[in-house]
Amino acid sequence: MVNRKMKKAILTGATGSVGYGLVCELIDHGYEVAVLTRNESKRNINIPKLDNVTVYICPLSELKSFTLEKKEYDIFFHLGWEESAGDGRNDVDIQYRNIRYTLDAVDLAMRLKCKVFIGVGSQAECGRVEGKISSNTCCNPESAYGAAKLAAGHFSRIQAHSYNMRHIWARLLTVYGPFDKSGLVIPTIKKVIAGEVPAFTKGEQIWDFLYYKDVASALRLLAENGNDGKTYTLGFGKERRLSDYIEEMNEVVSPKVDFLLGEYPYSENQIMYLCSDNSDVEKDVGWKPTTDFSDGIRELVDFIIREEM
C-alpha cells in the first residue's frame, strides 16, 4: 500500500482523453504532476495548463536516455503508445518498439526513484472471449497491438519487481472522452454539430462504455492502494447493446434527427461481446464508476462546443 504522503507523479500519454483526465484527477487530489511529451505533437494543447503541471519534452524513443537532475517522483503512469488505432495496430515492428518503450519507462521510473509503476493495457490483449473480462481471463490477442500490450504488461512487471518497485497493469475496455478521434462518441457528436446524420452498423454488439473521468479515478486509486503484480480490468461493468448506447446518444445530442442503424456491415474481426468484471478493483480499492452514459455525453457535448467556440 502506498504511503499517503506520496504526492508526485509523472506520466506519458497525457494528451489523450485518459491522460488528460488523469492529470486533472491527480491535481484535484493534491499531486504535483510532470508530463513527458513530444515537442512536435499537435495534441500538446490538450495538456491542462495548471500551476502544478510541468511539461518535459521527451518522446517515447528518448525515454531510455532521459534524465531529470535532482528530481524524484513517487508514481510513474505509462499511458504513451505509438499506433494504437488504424493500420498501425498490426504493424509488428511498431508494436515491438512499444514493448521496448514500456521497459524504458520502467527504467526511467527506477532512475526517478518511483515506488509504483502503473501501465495501461487494453481489451485487445484478450481477443474475443465469452463472458465478462476479468484479471483471470485467458488472453488470446488477435492483433499485433494486443500481443504487444500483453507482452508489455508481463515484461514491465518483471522489470519493475527487479527494482523492488510495485507494478500494476490496468486493462481498459471501451473508454469515451474528449480528444478521442477514432472512437464512436466524439466523431458522432461532431457530425451532429456539423449538421450530418451519423450512420452505424446494426449495433447488435454487447459493449461496455466507461467515461474517461472514471478511468482516471481508478488509475489514481490503483496507484495508491492496488495490489502489487495484479492486472485489473476497467469498464462500466454493465452489459448493453451498442444500439441502446446509440439511441441514448441520439436522444441527448439530437433527438429530432434519427441516427441510421444498419448502414454499415460489421468488420471482419468484429468483437460482438465486450464487458468488464470490476469485482477485483471494487474489492481492492473501493472503486466504482459513477458517470452514466447519458451524463457523460452531455458533458462531452458541452466540452466540444466550448473547444470550438
C-alpha atoms as a PDB file:
ATOM      1  CA  MET A   1       0.000   0.000   0.000  1.00  0.00           C
ATOM      2  CA  VAL A   2       1.313   3.414  -0.959  1.00  0.00           C
ATOM      3  CA  ASN A   3       2.265   5.939   1.690  1.00  0.00           C
ATOM      4  CA  ARG A   4      -0.458   8.580   1.837  1.00  0.00           C
ATOM      5  CA  LYS A   5       2.235  11.291   1.744  1.00  0.00           C
ATOM      6  CA  MET A   6       3.150  10.339  -1.824  1.00  0.00           C
ATOM      7  CA  LYS A   7       2.116  13.277  -3.952  1.00  0.00           C
ATOM      8  CA  LYS A   8       4.385  13.434  -7.002  1.00  0.00           C
ATOM      9  CA  ALA A   9       3.504  11.665 -10.245  1.00  0.00           C
ATOM     10  CA  ILE A  10       4.976  11.576 -13.735  1.00  0.00           C
ATOM     11  CA  LEU A  11       3.270  10.236 -16.853  1.00  0.00           C
ATOM     12  CA  THR A  12       3.490   9.592 -20.556  1.00  0.00           C
ATOM     13  CA  GLY A  13       0.472   9.824 -22.849  1.00  0.00           C
ATOM     14  CA  ALA A  14      -1.076  12.895 -21.267  1.00  0.00           C
ATOM     15  CA  THR A  15      -2.539  14.275 -24.500  1.00  0.00           C
ATOM     16  CA  GLY A  16      -5.296  11.668 -24.951  1.00  0.00           C
ATOM     17  CA  SER A  17      -8.606  11.574 -23.105  1.00  0.00           C
ATOM     18  CA  VAL A  18      -7.415   9.210 -20.356  1.00  0.00           C
ATOM     19  CA  GLY A  19      -4.153  11.114 -19.848  1.00  0.00           C
ATOM     20  CA  TYR A  20      -5.957  14.450 -19.767  1.00  0.00           C
ATOM     21  CA  GLY A  21      -8.419  13.101 -17.217  1.00  0.00           C
ATOM     22  CA  LEU A  22      -5.633  11.600 -15.123  1.00  0.00           C
ATOM     23  CA  VAL A  23      -3.705  14.876 -14.927  1.00  0.00           C
ATOM     24  CA  CYS A  24      -6.860  16.667 -13.754  1.00  0.00           C
ATOM     25  CA  GLU A  25      -7.641  13.875 -11.275  1.00  0.00           C
ATOM     26  CA  LEU A  26      -4.151  13.957  -9.770  1.00  0.00           C
ATOM     27  CA  ILE A  27      -4.131  17.755  -9.450  1.00  0.00           C
ATOM     28  CA  ASP A  28      -7.547  17.643  -7.781  1.00  0.00           C
ATOM     29  CA  HIS A  29      -6.098  15.265  -5.187  1.00  0.00           C
ATOM     30  CA  GLY A  30      -3.046  17.347  -4.354  1.00  0.00           C
ATOM     31  CA  TYR A  31      -0.413  15.843  -6.630  1.00  0.00           C
ATOM     32  CA  GLU A  32       2.450  17.597  -8.326  1.00  0.00           C
ATOM     33  CA  VAL A  33       2.444  16.276 -11.901  1.00  0.00           C
ATOM     34  CA  ALA A  34       5.115  16.017 -14.593  1.00  0.00           C
ATOM     35  CA  VAL A  35       4.229  15.183 -18.192  1.00  0.00           C
ATOM     36  CA  LEU A  36       6.539  13.709 -20.833  1.00  0.00           C
ATOM     37  CA  THR A  37       5.554  14.515 -24.428  1.00  0.00           C
ATOM     38  CA  ARG A  38       6.808  15.013 -27.972  1.00  0.00           C
ATOM     39  CA  ASN A  39       7.799  18.560 -28.892  1.00  0.00           C
ATOM     40  CA  GLU A  40       6.075  18.454 -32.298  1.00  0.00           C
ATOM     41  CA  SER A  41       2.824  16.905 -31.095  1.00  0.00           C
ATOM     42  CA  LYS A  42      -0.208  18.987 -32.077  1.00  0.00           C
ATOM     43  CA  ARG A  43      -2.057  17.395 -29.167  1.00  0.00           C
ATOM     44  CA  ASN A  44       0.152  19.105 -26.572  1.00  0.00           C
ATOM     45  CA  ILE A  45      -2.524  21.778 -26.466  1.00  0.00           C
ATOM     46  CA  ASN A  46      -4.664  19.190 -24.636  1.00  0.00           C
ATOM     47  CA  ILE A  47      -2.379  19.156 -21.584  1.00  0.00           C
ATOM     48  CA  PRO A  48      -4.026  21.146 -18.764  1.00  0.00           C
ATOM     49  CA  LYS A  49      -2.334  24.489 -18.172  1.00  0.00           C
ATOM     50  CA  LEU A  50      -2.132  24.344 -14.381  1.00  0.00           C
ATOM     51  CA  ASP A  51       0.420  25.563 -11.838  1.00  0.00           C
ATOM     52  CA  ASN A  52       1.152  22.054 -10.572  1.00  0.00           C
ATOM     53  CA  VAL A  53       1.790  20.605 -14.056  1.00  0.00           C
ATOM     54  CA  THR A  54       5.294  20.639 -15.564  1.00  0.00           C
ATOM     55  CA  VAL A  55       5.831  19.602 -19.183  1.00  0.00           C
ATOM     56  CA  TYR A  56       9.088  17.998 -20.303  1.00  0.00           C
ATOM     57  CA  ILE A  57       9.940  17.239 -23.918  1.00  0.00           C
ATOM     58  CA  CYS A  58      10.662  13.538 -24.158  1.00  0.00           C
ATOM     59  CA  PRO A  59       9.175  11.328 -26.897  1.00  0.00           C
ATOM     60  CA  LEU A  60       8.873   7.612 -26.192  1.00  0.00           C
ATOM     61  CA  SER A  61      12.012   6.953 -28.233  1.00  0.00           C
ATOM     62  CA  GLU A  62      14.060   9.050 -25.785  1.00  0.00           C
ATOM     63  CA  LEU A  63      12.809   7.579 -22.508  1.00  0.00           C
ATOM     64  CA  LYS A  64      15.907   5.395 -22.329  1.00  0.00           C
ATOM     65  CA  SER A  65      18.301   8.359 -22.111  1.00  0.00           C
ATOM     66  CA  PHE A  66      16.059  10.945 -20.435  1.00  0.00           C
ATOM     67  CA  THR A  67      17.194  12.338 -17.083  1.00  0.00           C
ATOM     68  CA  LEU A  68      15.933  14.899 -14.614  1.00  0.00           C
ATOM     69  CA  GLU A  69      18.632  16.160 -12.293  1.00  0.00           C
ATOM     70  CA  LYS A  70      17.697  16.201  -8.598  1.00  0.00           C
ATOM     71  CA  LYS A  71      14.110  15.167  -9.392  1.00  0.00           C
ATOM     72  CA  GLU A  72      12.293  12.310  -7.711  1.00  0.00           C
ATOM     73  CA  TYR A  73       8.721  11.075  -8.162  1.00  0.00           C
ATOM     74  CA  ASP A  74       6.510   8.606  -6.386  1.00  0.00           C
ATOM     75  CA  ILE A  75       4.383   7.145  -9.184  1.00  0.00           C
ATOM     76  CA  PHE A  76       5.027   6.580 -12.889  1.00  0.00           C
ATOM     77  CA  PHE A  77       1.943   6.252 -15.112  1.00  0.00           C
ATOM     78  CA  HIS A  78       2.774   4.882 -18.560  1.00  0.00           C
ATOM     79  CA  LEU A  79      -0.044   5.635 -20.999  1.00  0.00           C
ATOM     80  CA  GLY A  80       2.053   6.506 -24.050  1.00  0.00           C
ATOM     81  CA  TRP A  81       1.844   4.172 -27.049  1.00  0.00           C
ATOM     82  CA  GLU A  82       2.560   4.535 -30.750  1.00  0.00           C
ATOM     83  CA  GLU A  83      -0.111   3.498 -33.304  1.00  0.00           C
ATOM     84  CA  SER A  84      -2.930   2.307 -31.048  1.00  0.00           C
ATOM     85  CA  ALA A  85      -5.501   2.703 -33.842  1.00  0.00           C
ATOM     86  CA  GLY A  86      -5.745   2.145 -37.578  1.00  0.00           C
ATOM     87  CA  ASP A  87      -3.411   0.050 -39.719  1.00  0.00           C
ATOM     88  CA  GLY A  88      -0.558   0.531 -37.263  1.00  0.00           C
ATOM     89  CA  ARG A  89      -2.223  -1.891 -34.844  1.00  0.00           C
ATOM     90  CA  ASN A  90      -0.914  -4.742 -36.976  1.00  0.00           C
ATOM     91  CA  ASP A  91       2.479  -3.262 -37.777  1.00  0.00           C
ATOM     92  CA  VAL A  92       4.690  -5.737 -35.930  1.00  0.00           C
ATOM     93  CA  ASP A  93       7.793  -3.527 -35.982  1.00  0.00           C
ATOM     94  CA  ILE A  94       5.975  -0.556 -34.460  1.00  0.00           C
ATOM     95  CA  GLN A  95       4.253  -2.658 -31.807  1.00  0.00           C
ATOM     96  CA  TYR A  96       7.524  -4.367 -30.934  1.00  0.00           C
ATOM     97  CA  ARG A  97       9.063  -0.931 -30.347  1.00  0.00           C
ATOM     98  CA  ASN A  98       6.233  -0.144 -27.937  1.00  0.00           C
ATOM     99  CA  ILE A  99       7.280  -3.071 -25.757  1.00  0.00           C
ATOM    100  CA  ARG A 100      10.805  -1.625 -25.618  1.00  0.00           C
ATOM    101  CA  TYR A 101       9.442   1.827 -24.791  1.00  0.00           C
ATOM    102  CA  THR A 102       7.450   0.362 -21.903  1.00  0.00           C
ATOM    103  CA  LEU A 103      10.594  -1.202 -20.467  1.00  0.00           C
ATOM    104  CA  ASP A 104      12.434   2.083 -20.982  1.00  0.00           C
ATOM    105  CA  ALA A 105       9.651   3.745 -18.974  1.00  0.00           C
ATOM    106  CA  VAL A 106      10.223   1.280 -16.125  1.00  0.00           C
ATOM    107  CA  ASP A 107      13.944   2.046 -16.178  1.00  0.00           C
ATOM    108  CA  LEU A 108      13.208   5.769 -16.078  1.00  0.00           C
ATOM    109  CA  ALA A 109      10.818   5.223 -13.187  1.00  0.00           C
ATOM    110  CA  MET A 110      13.639   3.499 -11.338  1.00  0.00           C
ATOM    111  CA  ARG A 111      16.033   6.396 -12.037  1.00  0.00           C
ATOM    112  CA  LEU A 112      13.417   8.822 -10.714  1.00  0.00           C
ATOM    113  CA  LYS A 113      13.048   6.753  -7.502  1.00  0.00           C
ATOM    114  CA  CYS A 114       9.411   5.889  -8.216  1.00  0.00           C
ATOM    115  CA  LYS A 115       7.826   3.390  -5.857  1.00  0.00           C
ATOM    116  CA  VAL A 116       4.982   2.410  -8.184  1.00  0.00           C
ATOM    117  CA  PHE A 117       4.689   1.776 -11.936  1.00  0.00           C
ATOM    118  CA  ILE A 118       1.212   1.817 -13.480  1.00  0.00           C
ATOM    119  CA  GLY A 119       0.912   0.543 -17.044  1.00  0.00           C
ATOM    120  CA  VAL A 120      -2.207   0.849 -19.169  1.00  0.00           C
ATOM    121  CA  GLY A 121      -3.255  -2.088 -21.297  1.00  0.00           C
ATOM    122  CA  SER A 122      -6.239  -2.912 -23.491  1.00  0.00           C
ATOM    123  CA  GLN A 123      -9.025  -5.420 -24.001  1.00  0.00           C
ATOM    124  CA  ALA A 124      -7.164  -6.218 -27.242  1.00  0.00           C
ATOM    125  CA  GLU A 125      -4.864  -8.331 -25.061  1.00  0.00           C
ATOM    126  CA  CYS A 126      -7.723 -10.777 -24.571  1.00  0.00           C
ATOM    127  CA  GLY A 127      -9.015 -11.130 -28.115  1.00  0.00           C
ATOM    128  CA  ARG A 128     -12.569 -12.394 -28.490  1.00  0.00           C
ATOM    129  CA  VAL A 129     -13.802 -14.048 -25.309  1.00  0.00           C
ATOM    130  CA  GLU A 130     -17.055 -15.355 -23.883  1.00  0.00           C
ATOM    131  CA  GLY A 131     -18.231 -13.811 -20.630  1.00  0.00           C
ATOM    132  CA  LYS A 132     -17.015 -10.764 -18.767  1.00  0.00           C
ATOM    133  CA  ILE A 133     -13.328  -9.907 -18.872  1.00  0.00           C
ATOM    134  CA  SER A 134     -11.542 -10.110 -15.526  1.00  0.00           C
ATOM    135  CA  SER A 135      -7.972 -10.329 -14.274  1.00  0.00           C
ATOM    136  CA  ASN A 136      -8.210 -14.116 -14.697  1.00  0.00           C
ATOM    137  CA  THR A 137      -9.404 -14.091 -18.317  1.00  0.00           C
ATOM    138  CA  CYS A 138      -7.288 -16.241 -20.623  1.00  0.00           C
ATOM    139  CA  CYS A 139      -5.731 -13.948 -23.242  1.00  0.00           C
ATOM    140  CA  ASN A 140      -5.503 -14.748 -26.946  1.00  0.00           C
ATOM    141  CA  PRO A 141      -4.764 -11.459 -28.750  1.00  0.00           C
ATOM    142  CA  GLU A 142      -5.615 -11.268 -32.450  1.00  0.00           C
ATOM    143  CA  SER A 143      -3.630  -8.146 -33.352  1.00  0.00           C
ATOM    144  CA  ALA A 144      -0.012  -7.106 -33.043  1.00  0.00           C
ATOM    145  CA  TYR A 145      -1.237  -4.286 -30.820  1.00  0.00           C
ATOM    146  CA  GLY A 146      -2.961  -6.683 -28.419  1.00  0.00           C
ATOM    147  CA  ALA A 147       0.027  -9.030 -28.361  1.00  0.00           C
ATOM    148  CA  ALA A 148       2.398  -6.140 -27.662  1.00  0.00           C
ATOM    149  CA  LYS A 149       0.218  -4.814 -24.846  1.00  0.00           C
ATOM    150  CA  LEU A 150       0.078  -8.272 -23.273  1.00  0.00           C
ATOM    151  CA  ALA A 151       3.858  -8.707 -23.536  1.00  0.00           C
ATOM    152  CA  ALA A 152       4.500  -5.189 -22.242  1.00  0.00           C
ATOM    153  CA  GLY A 153       2.393  -5.900 -19.180  1.00  0.00           C
ATOM    154  CA  HIS A 154       4.291  -9.102 -18.343  1.00  0.00           C
ATOM    155  CA  PHE A 155       7.766  -7.772 -19.126  1.00  0.00           C
ATOM    156  CA  SER A 156       7.275  -4.483 -17.288  1.00  0.00           C
ATOM    157  CA  ARG A 157       6.102  -6.339 -14.189  1.00  0.00           C
ATOM    158  CA  ILE A 158       9.238  -8.494 -14.167  1.00  0.00           C
ATOM    159  CA  GLN A 159      11.410  -5.426 -14.728  1.00  0.00           C
ATOM    160  CA  ALA A 160       9.668  -3.357 -12.038  1.00  0.00           C
ATOM    161  CA  HIS A 161       9.968  -6.165  -9.488  1.00  0.00           C
ATOM    162  CA  SER A 162      13.679  -6.454 -10.218  1.00  0.00           C
ATOM    163  CA  TYR A 163      13.897  -2.867  -8.930  1.00  0.00           C
ATOM    164  CA  ASN A 164      11.644  -3.583  -5.909  1.00  0.00           C
ATOM    165  CA  MET A 165       9.024  -1.339  -7.481  1.00  0.00           C
ATOM    166  CA  ARG A 166       5.309  -2.072  -7.187  1.00  0.00           C
ATOM    167  CA  HIS A 167       3.675  -2.843 -10.529  1.00  0.00           C
ATOM    168  CA  ILE A 168       0.027  -2.663 -11.587  1.00  0.00           C
ATOM    169  CA  TRP A 169      -1.439  -3.175 -15.062  1.00  0.00           C
ATOM    170  CA  ALA A 170      -4.821  -1.606 -15.853  1.00  0.00           C
ATOM    171  CA  ARG A 171      -6.596  -3.259 -18.794  1.00  0.00           C
ATOM    172  CA  LEU A 172      -9.078  -0.779 -20.306  1.00  0.00           C
ATOM    173  CA  LEU A 173     -12.191  -1.673 -22.254  1.00  0.00           C
ATOM    174  CA  THR A 174     -14.110   0.915 -24.309  1.00  0.00           C
ATOM    175  CA  VAL A 175     -13.316   4.394 -22.972  1.00  0.00           C
ATOM    176  CA  TYR A 176     -15.006   7.559 -24.247  1.00  0.00           C
ATOM    177  CA  GLY A 177     -13.853  11.085 -23.590  1.00  0.00           C
ATOM    178  CA  PRO A 178     -12.530  14.282 -25.199  1.00  0.00           C
ATOM    179  CA  PHE A 179      -9.896  14.183 -27.967  1.00  0.00           C
ATOM    180  CA  ASP A 180     -10.868  10.608 -28.965  1.00  0.00           C
ATOM    181  CA  LYS A 181     -10.967  10.952 -32.758  1.00  0.00           C
ATOM    182  CA  SER A 182     -11.064   7.221 -33.513  1.00  0.00           C
ATOM    183  CA  GLY A 183     -13.851   6.167 -31.170  1.00  0.00           C
ATOM    184  CA  LEU A 184     -17.620   6.179 -31.536  1.00  0.00           C
ATOM    185  CA  VAL A 185     -18.724   9.063 -29.329  1.00  0.00           C
ATOM    186  CA  ILE A 186     -16.683  12.156 -30.232  1.00  0.00           C
ATOM    187  CA  PRO A 187     -16.876  11.691 -34.039  1.00  0.00           C
ATOM    188  CA  THR A 188     -20.646  11.162 -33.716  1.00  0.00           C
ATOM    189  CA  ILE A 189     -21.157  14.337 -31.687  1.00  0.00           C
ATOM    190  CA  LYS A 190     -19.023  16.356 -34.117  1.00  0.00           C
ATOM    191  CA  LYS A 191     -21.005  15.046 -37.103  1.00  0.00           C
ATOM    192  CA  VAL A 192     -24.258  16.161 -35.499  1.00  0.00           C
ATOM    193  CA  ILE A 193     -22.828  19.608 -34.694  1.00  0.00           C
ATOM    194  CA  ALA A 194     -21.738  19.849 -38.352  1.00  0.00           C
ATOM    195  CA  GLY A 195     -25.282  19.041 -39.498  1.00  0.00           C
ATOM    196  CA  GLU A 196     -24.600  15.473 -40.620  1.00  0.00           C
ATOM    197  CA  VAL A 197     -26.627  12.337 -39.796  1.00  0.00           C
ATOM    198  CA  PRO A 198     -24.428   9.640 -38.182  1.00  0.00           C
ATOM    199  CA  ALA A 199     -24.635   6.088 -39.529  1.00  0.00           C
ATOM    200  CA  PHE A 200     -23.655   2.802 -37.872  1.00  0.00           C
ATOM    201  CA  THR A 201     -23.802  -0.980 -38.094  1.00  0.00           C
ATOM    202  CA  LYS A 202     -26.895  -2.761 -36.761  1.00  0.00           C
ATOM    203  CA  GLY A 203     -25.488  -2.249 -33.261  1.00  0.00           C
ATOM    204  CA  GLU A 204     -26.103  -5.791 -32.033  1.00  0.00           C
ATOM    205  CA  GLN A 205     -22.769  -5.847 -30.192  1.00  0.00           C
ATOM    206  CA  ILE A 206     -22.885  -6.082 -26.408  1.00  0.00           C
ATOM    207  CA  TRP A 207     -20.425  -3.442 -25.237  1.00  0.00           C
ATOM    208  CA  ASP A 208     -19.304  -1.650 -22.116  1.00  0.00           C
ATOM    209  CA  PHE A 209     -18.538   2.113 -22.245  1.00  0.00           C
ATOM    210  CA  LEU A 210     -16.555   3.811 -19.469  1.00  0.00           C
ATOM    211  CA  TYR A 211     -16.161   7.584 -19.057  1.00  0.00           C
ATOM    212  CA  TYR A 212     -12.619   8.949 -19.052  1.00  0.00           C
ATOM    213  CA  LYS A 213     -13.021  10.602 -15.643  1.00  0.00           C
ATOM    214  CA  ASP A 214     -13.940   7.259 -14.094  1.00  0.00           C
ATOM    215  CA  VAL A 215     -10.823   5.709 -15.644  1.00  0.00           C
ATOM    216  CA  ALA A 216      -8.713   8.495 -14.157  1.00  0.00           C
ATOM    217  CA  SER A 217     -10.087   7.973 -10.653  1.00  0.00           C
ATOM    218  CA  ALA A 218      -9.481   4.225 -10.962  1.00  0.00           C
ATOM    219  CA  LEU A 219      -5.851   4.727 -12.014  1.00  0.00           C
ATOM    220  CA  ARG A 220      -5.177   7.052  -9.089  1.00  0.00           C
ATOM    221  CA  LEU A 221      -6.741   4.642  -6.586  1.00  0.00           C
ATOM    222  CA  LEU A 222      -4.852   1.696  -8.046  1.00  0.00           C
ATOM    223  CA  ALA A 223      -1.582   3.617  -7.742  1.00  0.00           C
ATOM    224  CA  GLU A 224      -2.331   4.414  -4.121  1.00  0.00           C
ATOM    225  CA  ASN A 225      -3.748   1.095  -2.941  1.00  0.00           C
ATOM    226  CA  GLY A 226      -3.818  -1.521  -5.717  1.00  0.00           C
ATOM    227  CA  ASN A 227      -2.264  -4.937  -5.197  1.00  0.00           C
ATOM    228  CA  ASP A 228       1.286  -5.339  -6.454  1.00  0.00           C
ATOM    229  CA  GLY A 229       1.660  -7.544  -9.526  1.00  0.00           C
ATOM    230  CA  LYS A 230      -2.019  -7.559 -10.390  1.00  0.00           C
ATOM    231  CA  THR A 231      -3.859  -6.840 -13.623  1.00  0.00           C
ATOM    232  CA  TYR A 232      -7.165  -5.006 -13.211  1.00  0.00           C
ATOM    233  CA  THR A 233      -9.863  -4.776 -15.872  1.00  0.00           C
ATOM    234  CA  LEU A 234     -11.688  -1.452 -16.052  1.00  0.00           C
ATOM    235  CA  GLY A 235     -15.119  -0.998 -17.613  1.00  0.00           C
ATOM    236  CA  PHE A 236     -18.525   0.194 -16.505  1.00  0.00           C
ATOM    237  CA  GLY A 237     -19.464  -3.404 -15.823  1.00  0.00           C
ATOM    238  CA  LYS A 238     -22.941  -3.254 -17.362  1.00  0.00           C
ATOM    239  CA  GLU A 239     -23.949  -5.278 -20.433  1.00  0.00           C
ATOM    240  CA  ARG A 240     -25.819  -3.258 -23.074  1.00  0.00           C
ATOM    241  CA  ARG A 241     -26.415  -3.472 -26.799  1.00  0.00           C
ATOM    242  CA  LEU A 242     -24.477  -0.938 -28.828  1.00  0.00           C
ATOM    243  CA  SER A 243     -27.773   0.118 -30.428  1.00  0.00           C
ATOM    244  CA  ASP A 244     -29.025   1.115 -26.958  1.00  0.00           C
ATOM    245  CA  TYR A 245     -25.979   3.332 -26.457  1.00  0.00           C
ATOM    246  CA  ILE A 246     -26.515   4.867 -29.877  1.00  0.00           C
ATOM    247  CA  GLU A 247     -30.190   5.543 -29.205  1.00  0.00           C
ATOM    248  CA  GLU A 248     -29.334   7.137 -25.856  1.00  0.00           C
ATOM    249  CA  MET A 249     -26.694   9.296 -27.521  1.00  0.00           C
ATOM    250  CA  ASN A 250     -29.222  10.206 -30.221  1.00  0.00           C
ATOM    251  CA  GLU A 251     -31.702  11.380 -27.565  1.00  0.00           C
ATOM    252  CA  VAL A 252     -29.116  13.504 -25.760  1.00  0.00           C
ATOM    253  CA  VAL A 253     -27.324  15.018 -28.759  1.00  0.00           C
ATOM    254  CA  SER A 254     -30.022  15.413 -31.408  1.00  0.00           C
ATOM    255  CA  PRO A 255     -33.471  13.983 -30.602  1.00  0.00           C
ATOM    256  CA  LYS A 256     -35.012  15.493 -33.747  1.00  0.00           C
ATOM    257  CA  VAL A 257     -32.633  13.586 -36.035  1.00  0.00           C
ATOM    258  CA  ASP A 258     -32.803   9.796 -36.376  1.00  0.00           C
ATOM    259  CA  PHE A 259     -29.367   8.177 -36.329  1.00  0.00           C
ATOM    260  CA  LEU A 260     -29.020   5.490 -39.012  1.00  0.00           C
ATOM    261  CA  LEU A 261     -28.561   1.899 -37.805  1.00  0.00           C
ATOM    262  CA  GLY A 262     -27.653  -0.937 -40.148  1.00  0.00           C
ATOM    263  CA  GLU A 263     -25.955   1.263 -42.751  1.00  0.00           C
ATOM    264  CA  TYR A 264     -22.574  -0.464 -42.469  1.00  0.00           C
ATOM    265  CA  PRO A 265     -21.547  -4.144 -42.289  1.00  0.00           C
ATOM    266  CA  TYR A 266     -19.609  -5.491 -39.342  1.00  0.00           C
ATOM    267  CA  SER A 267     -15.840  -5.616 -39.718  1.00  0.00           C
ATOM    268  CA  GLU A 268     -14.181  -8.955 -40.426  1.00  0.00           C
ATOM    269  CA  ASN A 269     -12.967  -9.391 -36.828  1.00  0.00           C
ATOM    270  CA  GLN A 270     -15.851  -7.609 -35.127  1.00  0.00           C
ATOM    271  CA  ILE A 271     -15.946  -8.154 -31.366  1.00  0.00           C
ATOM    272  CA  MET A 272     -19.578  -8.847 -30.500  1.00  0.00           C
ATOM    273  CA  TYR A 273     -19.264  -9.093 -26.715  1.00  0.00           C
ATOM    274  CA  LEU A 274     -17.140  -6.858 -24.513  1.00  0.00           C
ATOM    275  CA  CYS A 275     -17.907  -6.302 -20.833  1.00  0.00           C
ATOM    276  CA  SER A 276     -15.834  -5.950 -17.676  1.00  0.00           C
ATOM    277  CA  ASP A 277     -15.929  -7.739 -14.350  1.00  0.00           C
ATOM    278  CA  ASN A 278     -14.978  -4.961 -11.917  1.00  0.00           C
ATOM    279  CA  SER A 279     -15.179  -7.058  -8.747  1.00  0.00           C
ATOM    280  CA  ASP A 280     -11.405  -7.052  -8.114  1.00  0.00           C
ATOM    281  CA  VAL A 281     -10.905  -3.303  -8.423  1.00  0.00           C
ATOM    282  CA  GLU A 282     -14.002  -2.661  -6.312  1.00  0.00           C
ATOM    283  CA  LYS A 283     -12.810  -5.061  -3.601  1.00  0.00           C
ATOM    284  CA  ASP A 284      -9.180  -3.909  -3.545  1.00  0.00           C
ATOM    285  CA  VAL A 285      -9.517  -0.113  -3.804  1.00  0.00           C
ATOM    286  CA  GLY A 286     -13.247   0.610  -3.444  1.00  0.00           C
ATOM    287  CA  TRP A 287     -13.653   1.956  -6.980  1.00  0.00           C
ATOM    288  CA  LYS A 288     -16.955   2.061  -8.815  1.00  0.00           C
ATOM    289  CA  PRO A 289     -17.760   4.020 -11.991  1.00  0.00           C
ATOM    290  CA  THR A 290     -20.092   6.929 -11.273  1.00  0.00           C
ATOM    291  CA  THR A 291     -20.838   8.513 -14.664  1.00  0.00           C
ATOM    292  CA  ASP A 292     -23.899   7.231 -16.525  1.00  0.00           C
ATOM    293  CA  PHE A 293     -23.563   7.209 -20.297  1.00  0.00           C
ATOM    294  CA  SER A 294     -26.084   9.996 -20.909  1.00  0.00           C
ATOM    295  CA  ASP A 295     -24.403  12.247 -18.312  1.00  0.00           C
ATOM    296  CA  GLY A 296     -21.028  11.657 -19.946  1.00  0.00           C
ATOM    297  CA  ILE A 297     -22.460  12.510 -23.356  1.00  0.00           C
ATOM    298  CA  ARG A 298     -23.930  15.781 -22.037  1.00  0.00           C
ATOM    299  CA  GLU A 299     -20.553  16.774 -20.601  1.00  0.00           C
ATOM    300  CA  LEU A 300     -18.790  15.973 -23.856  1.00  0.00           C
ATOM    301  CA  VAL A 301     -21.281  17.971 -25.937  1.00  0.00           C
ATOM    302  CA  ASP A 302     -20.611  20.988 -23.704  1.00  0.00           C
ATOM    303  CA  PHE A 303     -16.854  20.336 -23.877  1.00  0.00           C
ATOM    304  CA  ILE A 304     -16.808  20.168 -27.695  1.00  0.00           C
ATOM    305  CA  ILE A 305     -18.921  23.294 -28.049  1.00  0.00           C
ATOM    306  CA  ARG A 306     -16.586  25.222 -25.706  1.00  0.00           C
ATOM    307  CA  GLU A 307     -13.496  23.968 -27.545  1.00  0.00           C
ATOM    308  CA  GLU A 308     -14.832  25.019 -30.945  1.00  0.00           C
ATOM    309  CA  MET A 309     -16.049  28.463 -29.904  1.00  0.00           C
END
